[in-house]
PDB file of N, CA and C in Angstrom:
ATOM      1  N   MET A   1      88.322  74.296  87.094  1.00  0.00           N
ATOM      2  CA  MET A   1      90.010  74.157  87.485  1.00  0.00           C
ATOM      3  C   MET A   1      89.713  74.434  88.975  1.00  0.00           C
ATOM      4  N   LYS A   2      89.942  73.566  90.456  1.00  0.00           N
ATOM      5  CA  LYS A   2      89.849  73.697  91.521  1.00  0.00           C
ATOM      6  C   LYS A   2      91.309  74.343  92.050  1.00  0.00           C
ATOM      7  N   VAL A   3      91.231  75.294  93.228  1.00  0.00           N
ATOM      8  CA  VAL A   3      92.546  75.634  93.663  1.00  0.00           C
ATOM      9  C   VAL A   3      92.568  74.768  94.692  1.00  0.00           C
ATOM     10  N   ASN A   4      93.870  74.555  95.382  1.00  0.00           N
ATOM     11  CA  ASN A   4      94.212  73.029  95.804  1.00  0.00           C
ATOM     12  C   ASN A   4      95.413  73.903  96.983  1.00  0.00           C
ATOM     13  N   ILE A   5      95.316  73.806  98.197  1.00  0.00           N
ATOM     14  CA  ILE A   5      96.345  74.400  98.823  1.00  0.00           C
ATOM     15  C   ILE A   5      96.857  73.298 100.055  1.00  0.00           C
ATOM     16  N   ASN A   6      97.626  72.975 100.002  1.00  0.00           N
ATOM     17  CA  ASN A   6      98.317  72.138 101.071  1.00  0.00           C
ATOM     18  C   ASN A   6      97.305  70.884 100.921  1.00  0.00           C
ATOM     19  N   GLY A   7      96.628  69.982  99.986  1.00  0.00           N
ATOM     20  CA  GLY A   7      95.816  69.011  99.944  1.00  0.00           C
ATOM     21  C   GLY A   7      94.724  69.554 100.431  1.00  0.00           C
ATOM     22  N   SER A   8      94.214  70.467 100.372  1.00  0.00           N
ATOM     23  CA  SER A   8      93.173  71.338 100.712  1.00  0.00           C
ATOM     24  C   SER A   8      92.134  71.871  99.526  1.00  0.00           C
ATOM     25  N   ASP A   9      91.337  71.250  98.948  1.00  0.00           N
ATOM     26  CA  ASP A   9      90.284  71.913  98.100  1.00  0.00           C
ATOM     27  C   ASP A   9      89.692  73.474  98.605  1.00  0.00           C
ATOM     28  N   LEU A  10      90.167  74.655  97.864  1.00  0.00           N
ATOM     29  CA  LEU A  10      89.258  75.447  98.636  1.00  0.00           C
ATOM     30  C   LEU A  10      87.935  75.738  98.085  1.00  0.00           C
ATOM     31  N   GLY A  11      87.550  74.919  97.157  1.00  0.00           N
ATOM     32  CA  GLY A  11      86.261  75.456  96.746  1.00  0.00           C
ATOM     33  C   GLY A  11      86.076  76.636  95.601  1.00  0.00           C
ATOM     34  N   VAL A  12      87.154  76.779  95.120  1.00  0.00           N
ATOM     35  CA  VAL A  12      87.391  77.900  94.215  1.00  0.00           C
ATOM     36  C   VAL A  12      87.846  77.311  92.752  1.00  0.00           C
ATOM     37  N   ASP A  13      86.303  77.638  91.931  1.00  0.00           N
ATOM     38  CA  ASP A  13      86.232  77.671  90.768  1.00  0.00           C
ATOM     39  C   ASP A  13      87.049  78.865  89.887  1.00  0.00           C
ATOM     40  N   ILE A  14      88.473  78.840  89.317  1.00  0.00           N
ATOM     41  CA  ILE A  14      88.855  79.703  88.603  1.00  0.00           C
ATOM     42  C   ILE A  14      88.924  80.097  87.248  1.00  0.00           C
ATOM     43  N   VAL A  15      88.428  78.863  86.697  1.00  0.00           N
ATOM     44  CA  VAL A  15      87.883  78.738  85.431  1.00  0.00           C
ATOM     45  C   VAL A  15      86.612  77.831  84.953  1.00  0.00           C
ATOM     46  N   LYS A  16      85.414  78.929  84.442  1.00  0.00           N
ATOM     47  CA  LYS A  16      84.451  78.391  84.063  1.00  0.00           C
ATOM     48  C   LYS A  16      84.413  78.311  83.135  1.00  0.00           C
ATOM     49  N   ASP A  17      83.417  77.294  82.066  1.00  0.00           N
ATOM     50  CA  ASP A  17      83.700  76.928  81.134  1.00  0.00           C
ATOM     51  C   ASP A  17      85.158  77.028  79.978  1.00  0.00           C
ATOM     52  N   ASN A  18      86.124  76.753  80.660  1.00  0.00           N
ATOM     53  CA  ASN A  18      87.500  76.908  80.075  1.00  0.00           C
ATOM     54  C   ASN A  18      87.199  78.208  80.024  1.00  0.00           C
ATOM     55  N   THR A  19      87.235  79.268  80.020  1.00  0.00           N
ATOM     56  CA  THR A  19      88.089  80.725  79.976  1.00  0.00           C
ATOM     57  C   THR A  19      88.150  81.270  81.002  1.00  0.00           C
ATOM     58  N   MET A  20      89.190  82.178  81.204  1.00  0.00           N
ATOM     59  CA  MET A  20      89.507  82.841  82.304  1.00  0.00           C
ATOM     60  C   MET A  20      89.146  84.261  81.778  1.00  0.00           C
ATOM     61  N   GLN A  21      88.742  85.349  82.921  1.00  0.00           N
ATOM     62  CA  GLN A  21      89.262  86.562  82.479  1.00  0.00           C
ATOM     63  C   GLN A  21      89.907  87.423  82.549  1.00  0.00           C
ATOM     64  N   ALA A  22      90.617  88.453  81.835  1.00  0.00           N
ATOM     65  CA  ALA A  22      91.574  89.253  81.614  1.00  0.00           C
ATOM     66  C   ALA A  22      91.428  90.454  82.346  1.00  0.00           C
ATOM     67  N   VAL A  23      92.030  91.253  83.213  1.00  0.00           N
ATOM     68  CA  VAL A  23      92.015  92.768  83.480  1.00  0.00           C
ATOM     69  C   VAL A  23      93.507  93.556  82.977  1.00  0.00           C
ATOM     70  N   HIS A  24      93.017  94.718  82.303  1.00  0.00           N
ATOM     71  CA  HIS A  24      94.530  95.413  82.040  1.00  0.00           C
ATOM     72  C   HIS A  24      94.814  96.106  83.054  1.00  0.00           C
ATOM     73  N   ASP A  25      96.265  96.444  83.136  1.00  0.00           N
ATOM     74  CA  ASP A  25      96.497  97.253  84.545  1.00  0.00           C
ATOM     75  C   ASP A  25      95.836  98.441  84.142  1.00  0.00           C
ATOM     76  N   SER A  26      95.613  99.020  83.261  1.00  0.00           N
ATOM     77  CA  SER A  26      95.113 100.561  83.658  1.00  0.00           C
ATOM     78  C   SER A  26      93.685 100.211  83.994  1.00  0.00           C
ATOM     79  N   ASP A  27      92.834  99.090  84.427  1.00  0.00           N
ATOM     80  CA  ASP A  27      91.634  98.900  84.597  1.00  0.00           C
ATOM     81  C   ASP A  27      91.463  98.194  86.172  1.00  0.00           C
ATOM     82  N   LEU A  28      92.732  98.156  86.671  1.00  0.00           N
ATOM     83  CA  LEU A  28      93.043  97.592  87.612  1.00  0.00           C
ATOM     84  C   LEU A  28      92.086  98.165  88.644  1.00  0.00           C
ATOM     85  N   VAL A  29      92.504  99.528  89.299  1.00  0.00           N
ATOM     86  CA  VAL A  29      91.949  99.981  90.359  1.00  0.00           C
ATOM     87  C   VAL A  29      90.403 100.254  90.078  1.00  0.00           C
ATOM     88  N   GLU A  30      89.723 100.272  89.060  1.00  0.00           N
ATOM     89  CA  GLU A  30      88.145 100.521  88.893  1.00  0.00           C
ATOM     90  C   GLU A  30      87.715  99.244  89.572  1.00  0.00           C
ATOM     91  N   LEU A  31      88.093  97.950  89.082  1.00  0.00           N
ATOM     92  CA  LEU A  31      88.203  96.837  89.127  1.00  0.00           C
ATOM     93  C   LEU A  31      87.971  96.041  90.774  1.00  0.00           C
ATOM     94  N   LEU A  32      88.880  96.686  90.951  1.00  0.00           N
ATOM     95  CA  LEU A  32      89.297  96.584  92.872  1.00  0.00           C
ATOM     96  C   LEU A  32      88.118  97.510  93.460  1.00  0.00           C
ATOM     97  N   LYS A  33      87.554  98.628  93.099  1.00  0.00           N
ATOM     98  CA  LYS A  33      86.917  99.300  93.794  1.00  0.00           C
ATOM     99  C   LYS A  33      85.749  98.776  93.909  1.00  0.00           C
ATOM    100  N   SER A  34      85.044  98.216  92.147  1.00  0.00           N
ATOM    101  CA  SER A  34      84.031  97.961  92.250  1.00  0.00           C
ATOM    102  C   SER A  34      83.921  96.729  92.726  1.00  0.00           C
ATOM    103  N   LEU A  35      84.747  96.144  93.419  1.00  0.00           N
ATOM    104  CA  LEU A  35      84.208  94.717  94.259  1.00  0.00           C
ATOM    105  C   LEU A  35      84.480  95.184  95.616  1.00  0.00           C
ATOM    106  N   GLY A  36      84.672  96.265  95.710  1.00  0.00           N
ATOM    107  CA  GLY A  36      84.694  96.989  96.968  1.00  0.00           C
ATOM    108  C   GLY A  36      86.140  96.408  97.859  1.00  0.00           C
ATOM    109  N   VAL A  37      86.854  96.340  97.280  1.00  0.00           N
ATOM    110  CA  VAL A  37      88.038  95.750  98.001  1.00  0.00           C
ATOM    111  C   VAL A  37      89.410  96.850  98.037  1.00  0.00           C
ATOM    112  N   TYR A  38      89.084  97.488  97.465  1.00  0.00           N
ATOM    113  CA  TYR A  38      90.396  98.692  96.631  1.00  0.00           C
ATOM    114  C   TYR A  38      91.410  99.210  97.876  1.00  0.00           C
ATOM    115  N   ASP A  39      90.225 100.014  98.770  1.00  0.00           N
ATOM    116  CA  ASP A  39      91.224 100.455 100.362  1.00  0.00           C
ATOM    117  C   ASP A  39      91.500  99.254 101.138  1.00  0.00           C
ATOM    118  N   ASP A  40      91.280  98.492 101.191  1.00  0.00           N
ATOM    119  CA  ASP A  40      91.748  97.187 102.249  1.00  0.00           C
ATOM    120  C   ASP A  40      92.952  96.230 101.008  1.00  0.00           C
ATOM    121  N   VAL A  41      92.941  96.490 100.274  1.00  0.00           N
ATOM    122  CA  VAL A  41      94.115  96.328  99.106  1.00  0.00           C
ATOM    123  C   VAL A  41      95.244  97.221  99.497  1.00  0.00           C
ATOM    124  N   ILE A  42      94.945  98.879  99.163  1.00  0.00           N
ATOM    125  CA  ILE A  42      96.056  99.983  99.841  1.00  0.00           C
ATOM    126  C   ILE A  42      96.362  99.431 100.986  1.00  0.00           C
ATOM    127  N   ASN A  43      95.531  99.345 101.909  1.00  0.00           N
ATOM    128  CA  ASN A  43      96.088  99.432 103.284  1.00  0.00           C
ATOM    129  C   ASN A  43      96.922  97.994 103.728  1.00  0.00           C
ATOM    130  N   GLY A  44      96.654  97.176 102.790  1.00  0.00           N
ATOM    131  CA  GLY A  44      97.447  95.780 103.130  1.00  0.00           C
ATOM    132  C   GLY A  44      96.905  94.981 103.916  1.00  0.00           C
ATOM    133  N   LYS A  45      95.788  94.566 103.791  1.00  0.00           N
ATOM    134  CA  LYS A  45      94.676  93.577 104.455  1.00  0.00           C
ATOM    135  C   LYS A  45      94.968  91.882 103.557  1.00  0.00           C
ATOM    136  N   TYR A  46      94.825  92.319 102.708  1.00  0.00           N
ATOM    137  CA  TYR A  46      95.175  90.940 101.598  1.00  0.00           C
ATOM    138  C   TYR A  46      96.152  90.505 101.486  1.00  0.00           C
ATOM    139  N   LYS A  47      96.219  89.167 101.904  1.00  0.00           N
ATOM    140  CA  LYS A  47      97.203  88.234 101.419  1.00  0.00           C
ATOM    141  C   LYS A  47      97.272  87.133 100.555  1.00  0.00           C
ATOM    142  N   CYS A  48      98.062  86.798  99.997  1.00  0.00           N
ATOM    143  CA  CYS A  48      98.006  85.915  98.958  1.00  0.00           C
ATOM    144  C   CYS A  48      97.701  84.382  99.682  1.00  0.00           C
ATOM    145  N   LEU A  49      96.631  83.944  98.787  1.00  0.00           N
ATOM    146  CA  LEU A  49      95.940  82.495  98.729  1.00  0.00           C
ATOM    147  C   LEU A  49      97.227  81.212  99.592  1.00  0.00           C
ATOM    148  N   PHE A  50      98.230  81.330  98.876  1.00  0.00           N
ATOM    149  CA  PHE A  50      99.167  80.543  98.829  1.00  0.00           C
ATOM    150  C   PHE A  50     100.675  80.780  99.729  1.00  0.00           C
ATOM    151  N   CYS A  51     101.016  82.090  99.853  1.00  0.00           N
ATOM    152  CA  CYS A  51     102.453  82.067 100.043  1.00  0.00           C
ATOM    153  C   CYS A  51     102.080  83.264 101.575  1.00  0.00           C
ATOM    154  N   ASN A  52     100.846  83.983 101.346  1.00  0.00           N
ATOM    155  CA  ASN A  52     100.760  84.479 102.570  1.00  0.00           C
ATOM    156  C   ASN A  52     101.747  85.942 102.263  1.00  0.00           C
ATOM    157  N   SER A  53     101.986  86.213 101.502  1.00  0.00           N
ATOM    158  CA  SER A  53     102.545  87.888 101.160  1.00  0.00           C
ATOM    159  C   SER A  53     101.440  88.543 100.809  1.00  0.00           C
ATOM    160  N   LYS A  54     101.639  90.338 101.387  1.00  0.00           N
ATOM    161  CA  LYS A  54     100.423  91.211 101.303  1.00  0.00           C
ATOM    162  C   LYS A  54     100.871  91.428  99.942  1.00  0.00           C
ATOM    163  N   ILE A  55      99.472  91.854  99.647  1.00  0.00           N
ATOM    164  CA  ILE A  55      98.545  91.674  98.313  1.00  0.00           C
ATOM    165  C   ILE A  55      98.817  93.341  98.110  1.00  0.00           C
ATOM    166  N   THR A  56      99.556  93.591  96.826  1.00  0.00           N
ATOM    167  CA  THR A  56      99.673  95.128  96.780  1.00  0.00           C
ATOM    168  C   THR A  56      99.268  95.307  95.128  1.00  0.00           C
ATOM    169  N   LEU A  57      99.070  96.231  94.757  1.00  0.00           N
ATOM    170  CA  LEU A  57      98.554  96.607  93.075  1.00  0.00           C
ATOM    171  C   LEU A  57      99.892  96.073  92.393  1.00  0.00           C
ATOM    172  N   GLU A  58     101.102  96.402  92.958  1.00  0.00           N
ATOM    173  CA  GLU A  58     102.058  96.438  91.838  1.00  0.00           C
ATOM    174  C   GLU A  58     101.827  94.548  91.747  1.00  0.00           C
ATOM    175  N   ASN A  59     101.735  93.501  92.577  1.00  0.00           N
ATOM    176  CA  ASN A  59     102.197  92.653  92.807  1.00  0.00           C
ATOM    177  C   ASN A  59     101.027  90.972  93.007  1.00  0.00           C
ATOM    178  N   ILE A  60      99.132  91.889  92.489  1.00  0.00           N
ATOM    179  CA  ILE A  60      98.036  90.919  92.269  1.00  0.00           C
ATOM    180  C   ILE A  60      98.528  90.098  90.653  1.00  0.00           C
ATOM    181  N   ASP A  61      98.481  89.306  90.953  1.00  0.00           N
ATOM    182  CA  ASP A  61      98.094  87.604  89.291  1.00  0.00           C
ATOM    183  C   ASP A  61      96.953  87.658  89.420  1.00  0.00           C
ATOM    184  N   SER A  62      96.071  87.178  90.622  1.00  0.00           N
ATOM    185  CA  SER A  62      94.876  86.719  90.496  1.00  0.00           C
ATOM    186  C   SER A  62      94.317  87.563  91.320  1.00  0.00           C
ATOM    187  N   ILE A  63      92.490  87.493  90.996  1.00  0.00           N
ATOM    188  CA  ILE A  63      91.494  87.666  91.506  1.00  0.00           C
ATOM    189  C   ILE A  63      90.245  87.093  91.516  1.00  0.00           C
ATOM    190  N   MET A  64      89.823  86.605  92.458  1.00  0.00           N
ATOM    191  CA  MET A  64      88.872  85.206  92.427  1.00  0.00           C
ATOM    192  C   MET A  64      88.092  85.026  93.861  1.00  0.00           C
ATOM    193  N   PRO A  65      86.688  84.528  93.352  1.00  0.00           N
ATOM    194  CA  PRO A  65      85.759  84.684  94.658  1.00  0.00           C
ATOM    195  C   PRO A  65      86.106  83.336  95.686  1.00  0.00           C
ATOM    196  N   CYS A  66      86.019  82.941  96.493  1.00  0.00           N
ATOM    197  CA  CYS A  66      86.606  82.206  97.692  1.00  0.00           C
ATOM    198  C   CYS A  66      85.531  82.134  98.733  1.00  0.00           C
ATOM    199  N   ASP A  67      84.674  81.026  98.982  1.00  0.00           N
ATOM    200  CA  ASP A  67      83.452  81.156 100.207  1.00  0.00           C
ATOM    201  C   ASP A  67      83.355  82.213 100.322  1.00  0.00           C
ATOM    202  N   GLY A  68      82.125  83.457  99.264  1.00  0.00           N
ATOM    203  CA  GLY A  68      81.498  84.574  99.255  1.00  0.00           C
ATOM    204  C   GLY A  68      82.531  85.315  99.671  1.00  0.00           C
ATOM    205  N   GLU A  69      83.696  85.572  99.565  1.00  0.00           N
ATOM    206  CA  GLU A  69      84.287  86.692  99.665  1.00  0.00           C
ATOM    207  C   GLU A  69      85.844  86.739  98.473  1.00  0.00           C
ATOM    208  N   VAL A  70      86.176  87.956  98.233  1.00  0.00           N
ATOM    209  CA  VAL A  70      87.265  88.276  97.225  1.00  0.00           C
ATOM    210  C   VAL A  70      88.690  87.926  97.484  1.00  0.00           C
ATOM    211  N   GLN A  71      89.884  87.078  96.631  1.00  0.00           N
ATOM    212  CA  GLN A  71      90.969  86.739  97.258  1.00  0.00           C
ATOM    213  C   GLN A  71      91.640  86.698  96.190  1.00  0.00           C
ATOM    214  N   PHE A  72      92.680  86.565  96.712  1.00  0.00           N
ATOM    215  CA  PHE A  72      93.977  87.104  95.953  1.00  0.00           C
ATOM    216  C   PHE A  72      95.183  86.299  95.659  1.00  0.00           C
ATOM    217  N   THR A  73      95.941  86.394  94.570  1.00  0.00           N
ATOM    218  CA  THR A  73      96.781  85.334  94.531  1.00  0.00           C
ATOM    219  C   THR A  73      98.030  86.506  94.627  1.00  0.00           C
ATOM    220  N   CYS A  74      99.306  86.579  94.546  1.00  0.00           N
ATOM    221  CA  CYS A  74     100.504  87.368  94.321  1.00  0.00           C
ATOM    222  C   CYS A  74     101.280  86.781  93.054  1.00  0.00           C
ATOM    223  N   ASP A  75     101.830  87.446  92.405  1.00  0.00           N
ATOM    224  CA  ASP A  75     102.915  87.213  91.299  1.00  0.00           C
ATOM    225  C   ASP A  75     104.164  86.579  91.251  1.00  0.00           C
ATOM    226  N   ASN A  76     104.324  85.898  92.811  1.00  0.00           N
ATOM    227  CA  ASN A  76     105.614  85.008  92.640  1.00  0.00           C
ATOM    228  C   ASN A  76     105.378  84.306  91.679  1.00  0.00           C
ATOM    229  N   LYS A  77     106.495  83.422  90.948  1.00  0.00           N
ATOM    230  CA  LYS A  77     106.451  82.596  89.994  1.00  0.00           C
ATOM    231  C   LYS A  77     105.816  81.044  90.840  1.00  0.00           C
ATOM    232  N   ASP A  78     106.248  80.526  92.009  1.00  0.00           N
ATOM    233  CA  ASP A  78     105.619  79.772  92.554  1.00  0.00           C
ATOM    234  C   ASP A  78     104.376  79.634  92.353  1.00  0.00           C
ATOM    235  N   CYS A  79     103.521  80.794  93.100  1.00  0.00           N
ATOM    236  CA  CYS A  79     101.912  80.915  93.573  1.00  0.00           C
ATOM    237  C   CYS A  79     101.322  80.769  92.338  1.00  0.00           C
ATOM    238  N   HIS A  80     101.962  81.192  91.038  1.00  0.00           N
ATOM    239  CA  HIS A  80     101.189  81.482  89.560  1.00  0.00           C
ATOM    240  C   HIS A  80     101.613  80.109  88.983  1.00  0.00           C
ATOM    241  N   LEU A  81     102.372  79.191  89.093  1.00  0.00           N
ATOM    242  CA  LEU A  81     102.558  78.178  89.159  1.00  0.00           C
ATOM    243  C   LEU A  81     100.979  76.961  89.944  1.00  0.00           C
ATOM    244  N   LYS A  82     101.139  77.034  91.271  1.00  0.00           N
ATOM    245  CA  LYS A  82     100.137  77.201  91.826  1.00  0.00           C
ATOM    246  C   LYS A  82      98.858  77.097  91.223  1.00  0.00           C
ATOM    247  N   LEU A  83      98.361  78.304  90.935  1.00  0.00           N
ATOM    248  CA  LEU A  83      97.180  78.822  90.675  1.00  0.00           C
ATOM    249  C   LEU A  83      97.016  78.212  89.432  1.00  0.00           C
ATOM    250  N   LEU A  84      97.379  77.448  88.178  1.00  0.00           N
ATOM    251  CA  LEU A  84      97.488  76.567  87.604  1.00  0.00           C
ATOM    252  C   LEU A  84      97.427  75.352  87.340  1.00  0.00           C
ATOM    253  N   GLY A  85      97.337  75.088  89.137  1.00  0.00           N
ATOM    254  CA  GLY A  85      97.956  73.725  89.243  1.00  0.00           C
ATOM    255  C   GLY A  85      98.823  72.980  88.216  1.00  0.00           C
ATOM    256  N   TRP A  86     100.145  73.636  88.122  1.00  0.00           N
ATOM    257  CA  TRP A  86     101.469  73.158  87.657  1.00  0.00           C
ATOM    258  C   TRP A  86     102.299  72.771  89.047  1.00  0.00           C
ATOM    259  N   LYS A  87     101.916  73.006  89.836  1.00  0.00           N
ATOM    260  CA  LYS A  87     102.734  72.647  91.060  1.00  0.00           C
ATOM    261  C   LYS A  87     102.403  71.731  92.236  1.00  0.00           C
TER     262      LYS A  87
END
């Protein structure tokens, strides 16, 4: 599945071989640290790909690669539906 924002394909493959990986809340900090983005998330550097809201530990819905960088979407219902391709 490719993520499409405002008619523009971001080239993000969020589903590979029809599978998605999940991370338990208790493992989220370690995952962010392993990706080298924890401090930037804590400091408010990242924004949701869809609505541009600041990403926090509390509102991360998805983490994905995009153009060689780590990108995020927030847990806003509309953003989640866009991520799934349903909106």
